[in-house]
mmCIF file of all heavy atoms, coordinates in Angstrom:
data_MODEL
# 
_entry.id   MODEL 
# 
loop_
_atom_site.group_PDB 
_atom_site.id 
_atom_site.type_symbol 
_atom_site.label_atom_id 
_atom_site.label_alt_id 
_atom_site.label_comp_id 
_atom_site.label_asym_id 
_atom_site.label_entity_id 
_atom_site.label_seq_id 
_atom_site.pdbx_PDB_ins_code 
_atom_site.Cartn_x 
_atom_site.Cartn_y 
_atom_site.Cartn_z 
_atom_site.occupancy 
_atom_site.B_iso_or_equiv 
_atom_site.pdbx_formal_charge 
_atom_site.auth_seq_id 
_atom_site.auth_comp_id 
_atom_site.auth_asym_id 
_atom_site.auth_atom_id 
_atom_site.pdbx_PDB_model_num 
ATOM 1   N N   . PRO A 1 1  ? -8.554  18.195  7.542  1.00 0.00 ? 1  PRO A N   1 
ATOM 2   C CA  . PRO A 1 1  ? -7.941  17.361  8.598  1.00 0.00 ? 1  PRO A CA  1 
ATOM 3   C C   . PRO A 1 1  ? -8.454  15.861  8.568  1.00 0.00 ? 1  PRO A C   1 
ATOM 4   O O   . PRO A 1 1  ? -9.563  15.647  8.322  1.00 0.00 ? 1  PRO A O   1 
ATOM 5   C CB  . PRO A 1 1  ? -8.366  18.046  9.883  1.00 0.00 ? 1  PRO A CB  1 
ATOM 6   C CG  . PRO A 1 1  ? -9.549  18.814  9.543  1.00 0.00 ? 1  PRO A CG  1 
ATOM 7   C CD  . PRO A 1 1  ? -9.415  19.191  8.165  1.00 0.00 ? 1  PRO A CD  1 
ATOM 8   N N   . LEU A 1 2  ? -7.552  14.977  8.904  1.00 0.00 ? 2  LEU A N   1 
ATOM 9   C CA  . LEU A 1 2  ? -7.948  13.574  8.935  1.00 0.00 ? 2  LEU A CA  1 
ATOM 10  C C   . LEU A 1 2  ? -8.767  13.321  10.138 1.00 0.00 ? 2  LEU A C   1 
ATOM 11  O O   . LEU A 1 2  ? -8.559  13.957  11.252 1.00 0.00 ? 2  LEU A O   1 
ATOM 12  C CB  . LEU A 1 2  ? -6.691  12.660  9.008  1.00 0.00 ? 2  LEU A CB  1 
ATOM 13  C CG  . LEU A 1 2  ? -5.854  12.572  7.724  1.00 0.00 ? 2  LEU A CG  1 
ATOM 14  C CD1 . LEU A 1 2  ? -4.627  11.808  7.968  1.00 0.00 ? 2  LEU A CD1 1 
ATOM 15  C CD2 . LEU A 1 2  ? -6.624  12.025  6.594  1.00 0.00 ? 2  LEU A CD2 1 
ATOM 16  N N   . PRO A 1 3  ? -9.798  12.477  10.115 1.00 0.00 ? 3  PRO A N   1 
ATOM 17  C CA  . PRO A 1 3  ? -10.639 12.157  11.309 1.00 0.00 ? 3  PRO A CA  1 
ATOM 18  C C   . PRO A 1 3  ? -9.687  11.427  12.299 1.00 0.00 ? 3  PRO A C   1 
ATOM 19  O O   . PRO A 1 3  ? -8.761  10.728  12.020 1.00 0.00 ? 3  PRO A O   1 
ATOM 20  C CB  . PRO A 1 3  ? -11.687 11.202  10.734 1.00 0.00 ? 3  PRO A CB  1 
ATOM 21  C CG  . PRO A 1 3  ? -11.213 10.770  9.451  1.00 0.00 ? 3  PRO A CG  1 
ATOM 22  C CD  . PRO A 1 3  ? -10.224 11.696  8.899  1.00 0.00 ? 3  PRO A CD  1 
ATOM 23  N N   . ALA A 1 4  ? -10.109 11.564  13.600 1.00 0.00 ? 4  ALA A N   1 
ATOM 24  C CA  . ALA A 1 4  ? -9.461  10.854  14.698 1.00 0.00 ? 4  ALA A CA  1 
ATOM 25  C C   . ALA A 1 4  ? -9.642  9.405   14.490 1.00 0.00 ? 4  ALA A C   1 
ATOM 26  O O   . ALA A 1 4  ? -10.716 8.937   14.143 1.00 0.00 ? 4  ALA A O   1 
ATOM 27  C CB  . ALA A 1 4  ? -9.882  11.360  15.978 1.00 0.00 ? 4  ALA A CB  1 
ATOM 28  N N   . VAL A 1 5  ? -8.599  8.615   14.757 1.00 0.00 ? 5  VAL A N   1 
ATOM 29  C CA  . VAL A 1 5  ? -8.727  7.201   14.760 1.00 0.00 ? 5  VAL A CA  1 
ATOM 30  C C   . VAL A 1 5  ? -8.637  6.598   16.124 1.00 0.00 ? 5  VAL A C   1 
ATOM 31  O O   . VAL A 1 5  ? -7.684  6.961   16.925 1.00 0.00 ? 5  VAL A O   1 
ATOM 32  C CB  . VAL A 1 5  ? -7.580  6.556   13.888 1.00 0.00 ? 5  VAL A CB  1 
ATOM 33  C CG1 . VAL A 1 5  ? -7.579  5.073   13.922 1.00 0.00 ? 5  VAL A CG1 1 
ATOM 34  C CG2 . VAL A 1 5  ? -7.684  7.072   12.462 1.00 0.00 ? 5  VAL A CG2 1 
ATOM 35  N N   . GLN A 1 6  ? -9.584  5.813   16.530 1.00 0.00 ? 6  GLN A N   1 
ATOM 36  C CA  . GLN A 1 6  ? -9.532  5.157   17.839 1.00 0.00 ? 6  GLN A CA  1 
ATOM 37  C C   . GLN A 1 6  ? -9.746  3.616   17.618 1.00 0.00 ? 6  GLN A C   1 
ATOM 38  O O   . GLN A 1 6  ? -10.730 3.244   17.135 1.00 0.00 ? 6  GLN A O   1 
ATOM 39  C CB  . GLN A 1 6  ? -10.774 5.711   18.707 1.00 0.00 ? 6  GLN A CB  1 
ATOM 40  C CG  . GLN A 1 6  ? -10.754 5.022   20.103 1.00 0.00 ? 6  GLN A CG  1 
ATOM 41  C CD  . GLN A 1 6  ? -11.825 5.654   20.931 1.00 0.00 ? 6  GLN A CD  1 
ATOM 42  O OE1 . GLN A 1 6  ? -12.333 6.748   20.644 1.00 0.00 ? 6  GLN A OE1 1 
ATOM 43  N NE2 . GLN A 1 6  ? -12.318 4.954   21.947 1.00 0.00 ? 6  GLN A NE2 1 
ATOM 44  N N   . ILE A 1 7  ? -8.795  2.874   18.052 1.00 0.00 ? 7  ILE A N   1 
ATOM 45  C CA  . ILE A 1 7  ? -8.783  1.480   17.988 1.00 0.00 ? 7  ILE A CA  1 
ATOM 46  C C   . ILE A 1 7  ? -8.990  0.857   19.348 1.00 0.00 ? 7  ILE A C   1 
ATOM 47  O O   . ILE A 1 7  ? -8.082  1.040   20.183 1.00 0.00 ? 7  ILE A O   1 
ATOM 48  C CB  . ILE A 1 7  ? -7.563  0.928   17.267 1.00 0.00 ? 7  ILE A CB  1 
ATOM 49  C CG1 . ILE A 1 7  ? -7.430  1.530   15.853 1.00 0.00 ? 7  ILE A CG1 1 
ATOM 50  C CG2 . ILE A 1 7  ? -7.536  -0.609  17.244 1.00 0.00 ? 7  ILE A CG2 1 
ATOM 51  C CD1 . ILE A 1 7  ? -6.176  1.179   15.155 1.00 0.00 ? 7  ILE A CD1 1 
ATOM 52  N N   . ASP A 1 8  ? -10.063 0.168   19.553 1.00 0.00 ? 8  ASP A N   1 
ATOM 53  C CA  . ASP A 1 8  ? -10.379 -0.332  20.910 1.00 0.00 ? 8  ASP A CA  1 
ATOM 54  C C   . ASP A 1 8  ? -10.030 -1.807  20.999 1.00 0.00 ? 8  ASP A C   1 
ATOM 55  O O   . ASP A 1 8  ? -10.835 -2.690  21.529 1.00 0.00 ? 8  ASP A O   1 
ATOM 56  C CB  . ASP A 1 8  ? -11.875 -0.122  21.197 1.00 0.00 ? 8  ASP A CB  1 
ATOM 57  C CG  . ASP A 1 8  ? -12.188 1.362   21.387 1.00 0.00 ? 8  ASP A CG  1 
ATOM 58  O OD1 . ASP A 1 8  ? -11.343 2.064   21.843 1.00 0.00 ? 8  ASP A OD1 1 
ATOM 59  O OD2 . ASP A 1 8  ? -13.302 1.706   20.993 1.00 0.00 ? 8  ASP A OD2 1 
ATOM 60  N N   . ALA A 1 9  ? -8.848  -2.222  20.441 1.00 0.00 ? 9  ALA A N   1 
ATOM 61  C CA  . ALA A 1 9  ? -8.437  -3.579  20.499 1.00 0.00 ? 9  ALA A CA  1 
ATOM 62  C C   . ALA A 1 9  ? -6.997  -3.655  20.795 1.00 0.00 ? 9  ALA A C   1 
ATOM 63  O O   . ALA A 1 9  ? -6.187  -2.736  20.430 1.00 0.00 ? 9  ALA A O   1 
ATOM 64  C CB  . ALA A 1 9  ? -8.760  -4.296  19.184 1.00 0.00 ? 9  ALA A CB  1 
ATOM 65  N N   . ASP A 1 10 ? -6.522  -4.752  21.418 1.00 0.00 ? 10 ASP A N   1 
ATOM 66  C CA  . ASP A 1 10 ? -5.108  -4.834  21.696 1.00 0.00 ? 10 ASP A CA  1 
ATOM 67  C C   . ASP A 1 10 ? -4.437  -5.369  20.471 1.00 0.00 ? 10 ASP A C   1 
ATOM 68  O O   . ASP A 1 10 ? -5.047  -5.838  19.454 1.00 0.00 ? 10 ASP A O   1 
ATOM 69  C CB  . ASP A 1 10 ? -4.830  -5.745  22.836 1.00 0.00 ? 10 ASP A CB  1 
ATOM 70  C CG  . ASP A 1 10 ? -5.433  -7.129  22.666 1.00 0.00 ? 10 ASP A CG  1 
ATOM 71  O OD1 . ASP A 1 10 ? -4.801  -7.979  22.058 1.00 0.00 ? 10 ASP A OD1 1 
ATOM 72  O OD2 . ASP A 1 10 ? -6.505  -7.416  23.184 1.00 0.00 ? 10 ASP A OD2 1 
ATOM 73  N N   . THR A 1 11 ? -3.081  -5.434  20.511 1.00 0.00 ? 11 THR A N   1 
ATOM 74  C CA  . THR A 1 11 ? -2.287  -5.809  19.312 1.00 0.00 ? 11 THR A CA  1 
ATOM 75  C C   . THR A 1 11 ? -2.574  -7.198  18.890 1.00 0.00 ? 11 THR A C   1 
ATOM 76  O O   . THR A 1 11 ? -2.687  -7.535  17.684 1.00 0.00 ? 11 THR A O   1 
ATOM 77  C CB  . THR A 1 11 ? -0.804  -5.581  19.639 1.00 0.00 ? 11 THR A CB  1 
ATOM 78  O OG1 . THR A 1 11 ? -0.623  -4.191  19.996 1.00 0.00 ? 11 THR A OG1 1 
ATOM 79  C CG2 . THR A 1 11 ? 0.026   -5.969  18.465 1.00 0.00 ? 11 THR A CG2 1 
ATOM 80  N N   . MET A 1 12 ? -2.652  -8.129  19.849 1.00 0.00 ? 12 MET A N   1 
ATOM 81  C CA  . MET A 1 12 ? -2.854  -9.562  19.497 1.00 0.00 ? 12 MET A CA  1 
ATOM 82  C C   . MET A 1 12 ? -4.289  -9.789  18.783 1.00 0.00 ? 12 MET A C   1 
ATOM 83  O O   . MET A 1 12 ? -4.419  -10.547 17.879 1.00 0.00 ? 12 MET A O   1 
ATOM 84  C CB  . MET A 1 12 ? -2.806  -10.404 20.747 1.00 0.00 ? 12 MET A CB  1 
ATOM 85  C CG  . MET A 1 12 ? -1.420  -10.584 21.232 1.00 0.00 ? 12 MET A CG  1 
ATOM 86  S SD  . MET A 1 12 ? -0.135  -11.030 19.962 1.00 0.00 ? 12 MET A SD  1 
ATOM 87  C CE  . MET A 1 12 ? -0.720  -12.615 19.525 1.00 0.00 ? 12 MET A CE  1 
ATOM 88  N N   . THR A 1 13 ? -5.259  -9.011  19.270 1.00 0.00 ? 13 THR A N   1 
ATOM 89  C CA  . THR A 1 13 ? -6.606  -9.071  18.589 1.00 0.00 ? 13 THR A CA  1 
ATOM 90  C C   . THR A 1 13 ? -6.447  -8.604  17.136 1.00 0.00 ? 13 THR A C   1 
ATOM 91  O O   . THR A 1 13 ? -7.067  -9.181  16.246 1.00 0.00 ? 13 THR A O   1 
ATOM 92  C CB  . THR A 1 13 ? -7.639  -8.253  19.397 1.00 0.00 ? 13 THR A CB  1 
ATOM 93  O OG1 . THR A 1 13 ? -7.676  -8.871  20.709 1.00 0.00 ? 13 THR A OG1 1 
ATOM 94  C CG2 . THR A 1 13 ? -8.984  -8.368  18.709 1.00 0.00 ? 13 THR A CG2 1 
ATOM 95  N N   . LEU A 1 14 ? -5.769  -7.541  16.977 1.00 0.00 ? 14 LEU A N   1 
ATOM 96  C CA  . LEU A 1 14 ? -5.565  -6.974  15.573 1.00 0.00 ? 14 LEU A CA  1 
ATOM 97  C C   . LEU A 1 14 ? -4.855  -7.963  14.677 1.00 0.00 ? 14 LEU A C   1 
ATOM 98  O O   . LEU A 1 14 ? -5.180  -8.139  13.465 1.00 0.00 ? 14 LEU A O   1 
ATOM 99  C CB  . LEU A 1 14 ? -4.909  -5.656  15.603 1.00 0.00 ? 14 LEU A CB  1 
ATOM 100 C CG  . LEU A 1 14 ? -5.661  -4.482  16.241 1.00 0.00 ? 14 LEU A CG  1 
ATOM 101 C CD1 . LEU A 1 14 ? -4.847  -3.290  16.399 1.00 0.00 ? 14 LEU A CD1 1 
ATOM 102 C CD2 . LEU A 1 14 ? -6.966  -4.196  15.599 1.00 0.00 ? 14 LEU A CD2 1 
ATOM 103 N N   . ILE A 1 15 ? -3.864  -8.608  15.257 1.00 0.00 ? 15 ILE A N   1 
ATOM 104 C CA  . ILE A 1 15 ? -3.081  -9.594  14.436 1.00 0.00 ? 15 ILE A CA  1 
ATOM 105 C C   . ILE A 1 15 ? -3.955  -10.731 14.091 1.00 0.00 ? 15 ILE A C   1 
ATOM 106 O O   . ILE A 1 15 ? -3.977  -11.276 12.965 1.00 0.00 ? 15 ILE A O   1 
ATOM 107 C CB  . ILE A 1 15 ? -1.798  -10.019 15.243 1.00 0.00 ? 15 ILE A CB  1 
ATOM 108 C CG1 . ILE A 1 15 ? -0.811  -8.821  15.319 1.00 0.00 ? 15 ILE A CG1 1 
ATOM 109 C CG2 . ILE A 1 15 ? -1.103  -11.235 14.594 1.00 0.00 ? 15 ILE A CG2 1 
ATOM 110 C CD1 . ILE A 1 15 ? 0.342   -9.100  16.164 1.00 0.00 ? 15 ILE A CD1 1 
ATOM 111 N N   . ALA A 1 16 ? -4.734  -11.225 15.063 1.00 0.00 ? 16 ALA A N   1 
ATOM 112 C CA  . ALA A 1 16 ? -5.616  -12.360 14.754 1.00 0.00 ? 16 ALA A CA  1 
ATOM 113 C C   . ALA A 1 16 ? -6.640  -11.968 13.747 1.00 0.00 ? 16 ALA A C   1 
ATOM 114 O O   . ALA A 1 16 ? -6.895  -12.774 12.841 1.00 0.00 ? 16 ALA A O   1 
ATOM 115 C CB  . ALA A 1 16 ? -6.273  -12.849 16.097 1.00 0.00 ? 16 ALA A CB  1 
ATOM 116 N N   . ALA A 1 17 ? -7.212  -10.791 13.863 1.00 0.00 ? 17 ALA A N   1 
ATOM 117 C CA  . ALA A 1 17 ? -8.278  -10.376 12.897 1.00 0.00 ? 17 ALA A CA  1 
ATOM 118 C C   . ALA A 1 17 ? -7.605  -10.253 11.529 1.00 0.00 ? 17 ALA A C   1 
ATOM 119 O O   . ALA A 1 17 ? -8.289  -10.712 10.536 1.00 0.00 ? 17 ALA A O   1 
ATOM 120 C CB  . ALA A 1 17 ? -8.723  -8.965  13.366 1.00 0.00 ? 17 ALA A CB  1 
ATOM 121 N N   . GLY A 1 18 ? -6.429  -9.776  11.430 1.00 0.00 ? 18 GLY A N   1 
ATOM 122 C CA  . GLY A 1 18 ? -5.800  -9.595  10.101 1.00 0.00 ? 18 GLY A CA  1 
ATOM 123 C C   . GLY A 1 18 ? -5.513  -11.010 9.476  1.00 0.00 ? 18 GLY A C   1 
ATOM 124 O O   . GLY A 1 18 ? -5.685  -11.205 8.297  1.00 0.00 ? 18 GLY A O   1 
ATOM 125 N N   . LEU A 1 19 ? -5.039  -11.959 10.293 1.00 0.00 ? 19 LEU A N   1 
ATOM 126 C CA  . LEU A 1 19 ? -4.831  -13.310 9.793  1.00 0.00 ? 19 LEU A CA  1 
ATOM 127 C C   . LEU A 1 19 ? -6.113  -13.985 9.370  1.00 0.00 ? 19 LEU A C   1 
ATOM 128 O O   . LEU A 1 19 ? -6.181  -14.673 8.313  1.00 0.00 ? 19 LEU A O   1 
ATOM 129 C CB  . LEU A 1 19 ? -4.136  -14.133 10.856 1.00 0.00 ? 19 LEU A CB  1 
ATOM 130 C CG  . LEU A 1 19 ? -2.685  -13.737 11.134 1.00 0.00 ? 19 LEU A CG  1 
ATOM 131 C CD1 . LEU A 1 19 ? -2.107  -14.498 12.364 1.00 0.00 ? 19 LEU A CD1 1 
ATOM 132 C CD2 . LEU A 1 19 ? -1.839  -13.955 9.953  1.00 0.00 ? 19 LEU A CD2 1 
ATOM 133 N N   . LEU A 1 20 ? -7.162  -13.773 10.126 1.00 0.00 ? 20 LEU A N   1 
ATOM 134 C CA  . LEU A 1 20 ? -8.508  -14.303 9.724  1.00 0.00 ? 20 LEU A CA  1 
ATOM 135 C C   . LEU A 1 20 ? -9.063  -13.736 8.416  1.00 0.00 ? 20 LEU A C   1 
ATOM 136 O O   . LEU A 1 20 ? -9.582  -14.382 7.569  1.00 0.00 ? 20 LEU A O   1 
ATOM 137 C CB  . LEU A 1 20 ? -9.475  -14.142 10.869 1.00 0.00 ? 20 LEU A CB  1 
ATOM 138 C CG  . LEU A 1 20 ? -9.290  -15.116 12.094 1.00 0.00 ? 20 LEU A CG  1 
ATOM 139 C CD1 . LEU A 1 20 ? -10.204 -14.670 13.239 1.00 0.00 ? 20 LEU A CD1 1 
ATOM 140 C CD2 . LEU A 1 20 ? -9.563  -16.502 11.692 1.00 0.00 ? 20 LEU A CD2 1 
ATOM 141 N N   . VAL A 1 21 ? -8.832  -12.391 8.251  1.00 0.00 ? 21 VAL A N   1 
ATOM 142 C CA  . VAL A 1 21 ? -9.258  -11.803 7.016  1.00 0.00 ? 21 VAL A CA  1 
ATOM 143 C C   . VAL A 1 21 ? -8.448  -12.361 5.884  1.00 0.00 ? 21 VAL A C   1 
ATOM 144 O O   . VAL A 1 21 ? -9.004  -12.669 4.752  1.00 0.00 ? 21 VAL A O   1 
ATOM 145 C CB  . VAL A 1 21 ? -9.116  -10.211 7.171  1.00 0.00 ? 21 VAL A CB  1 
ATOM 146 C CG1 . VAL A 1 21 ? -9.249  -9.582  5.760  1.00 0.00 ? 21 VAL A CG1 1 
ATOM 147 C CG2 . VAL A 1 21 ? -10.158 -9.615  8.053  1.00 0.00 ? 21 VAL A CG2 1 
ATOM 148 N N   . GLY A 1 22 ? -7.198  -12.459 6.064  1.00 0.00 ? 22 GLY A N   1 
ATOM 149 C CA  . GLY A 1 22 ? -6.309  -13.096 4.981  1.00 0.00 ? 22 GLY A CA  1 
ATOM 150 C C   . GLY A 1 22 ? -6.719  -14.467 4.650  1.00 0.00 ? 22 GLY A C   1 
ATOM 151 O O   . GLY A 1 22 ? -6.794  -14.895 3.463  1.00 0.00 ? 22 GLY A O   1 
ATOM 152 N N   . LEU A 1 23 ? -7.033  -15.243 5.686  1.00 0.00 ? 23 LEU A N   1 
ATOM 153 C CA  . LEU A 1 23 ? -7.475  -16.603 5.465  1.00 0.00 ? 23 LEU A CA  1 
ATOM 154 C C   . LEU A 1 23 ? -8.839  -16.622 4.701  1.00 0.00 ? 23 LEU A C   1 
ATOM 155 O O   . LEU A 1 23 ? -9.051  -17.433 3.754  1.00 0.00 ? 23 LEU A O   1 
ATOM 156 C CB  . LEU A 1 23 ? -7.610  -17.384 6.773  1.00 0.00 ? 23 LEU A CB  1 
ATOM 157 C CG  . LEU A 1 23 ? -7.984  -18.805 6.741  1.00 0.00 ? 23 LEU A CG  1 
ATOM 158 C CD1 . LEU A 1 23 ? -6.925  -19.660 6.079  1.00 0.00 ? 23 LEU A CD1 1 
ATOM 159 C CD2 . LEU A 1 23 ? -8.245  -19.343 8.172  1.00 0.00 ? 23 LEU A CD2 1 
ATOM 160 N N   . GLY A 1 24 ? -9.747  -15.776 5.116  1.00 0.00 ? 24 GLY A N   1 
ATOM 161 C CA  . GLY A 1 24 ? -11.010 -15.548 4.410  1.00 0.00 ? 24 GLY A CA  1 
ATOM 162 C C   . GLY A 1 24 ? -10.874 -15.272 2.965  1.00 0.00 ? 24 GLY A C   1 
ATOM 163 O O   . GLY A 1 24 ? -11.631 -15.742 2.098  1.00 0.00 ? 24 GLY A O   1 
ATOM 164 N N   . THR A 1 25 ? -9.961  -14.417 2.632  1.00 0.00 ? 25 THR A N   1 
ATOM 165 C CA  . THR A 1 25 ? -9.770  -13.969 1.262  1.00 0.00 ? 25 THR A CA  1 
ATOM 166 C C   . THR A 1 25 ? -9.247  -15.139 0.397  1.00 0.00 ? 25 THR A C   1 
ATOM 167 O O   . THR A 1 25 ? -9.633  -15.309 -0.769 1.00 0.00 ? 25 THR A O   1 
ATOM 168 C CB  . THR A 1 25 ? -8.805  -12.754 1.053  1.00 0.00 ? 25 THR A CB  1 
ATOM 169 O OG1 . THR A 1 25 ? -7.539  -13.096 1.504  1.00 0.00 ? 25 THR A OG1 1 
ATOM 170 C CG2 . THR A 1 25 ? -9.338  -11.552 1.754  1.00 0.00 ? 25 THR A CG2 1 
ATOM 171 N N   . ARG A 1 26 ? -8.503  -16.015 1.014  1.00 0.00 ? 26 ARG A N   1 
ATOM 172 C CA  . ARG A 1 26 ? -8.030  -17.207 0.228  1.00 0.00 ? 26 ARG A CA  1 
ATOM 173 C C   . ARG A 1 26 ? -9.171  -18.224 0.058  1.00 0.00 ? 26 ARG A C   1 
ATOM 174 O O   . ARG A 1 26 ? -9.414  -18.661 -1.039 1.00 0.00 ? 26 ARG A O   1 
ATOM 175 C CB  . ARG A 1 26 ? -6.913  -17.904 1.042  1.00 0.00 ? 26 ARG A CB  1 
ATOM 176 C CG  . ARG A 1 26 ? -5.611  -17.119 1.182  1.00 0.00 ? 26 ARG A CG  1 
ATOM 177 C CD  . ARG A 1 26 ? -5.029  -16.790 -0.181 1.00 0.00 ? 26 ARG A CD  1 
ATOM 178 N NE  . ARG A 1 26 ? -4.670  -18.016 -0.944 1.00 0.00 ? 26 ARG A NE  1 
ATOM 179 C CZ  . ARG A 1 26 ? -4.442  -18.060 -2.257 1.00 0.00 ? 26 ARG A CZ  1 
ATOM 180 N NH1 . ARG A 1 26 ? -4.596  -16.958 -2.927 1.00 0.00 ? 26 ARG A NH1 1 
ATOM 181 N NH2 . ARG A 1 26 ? -4.181  -19.159 -2.792 1.00 0.00 ? 26 ARG A NH2 1 
# 
C-alpha cells in the first residue's frame, strides 16, 4: 500500500514553492 500523504499547505503556497524551485533550478 502507498503511504498516506498529508500536505499541510494551501494551494497558493504550493504554487509559490513550485515556482521558487523552478527558479532555483535555472
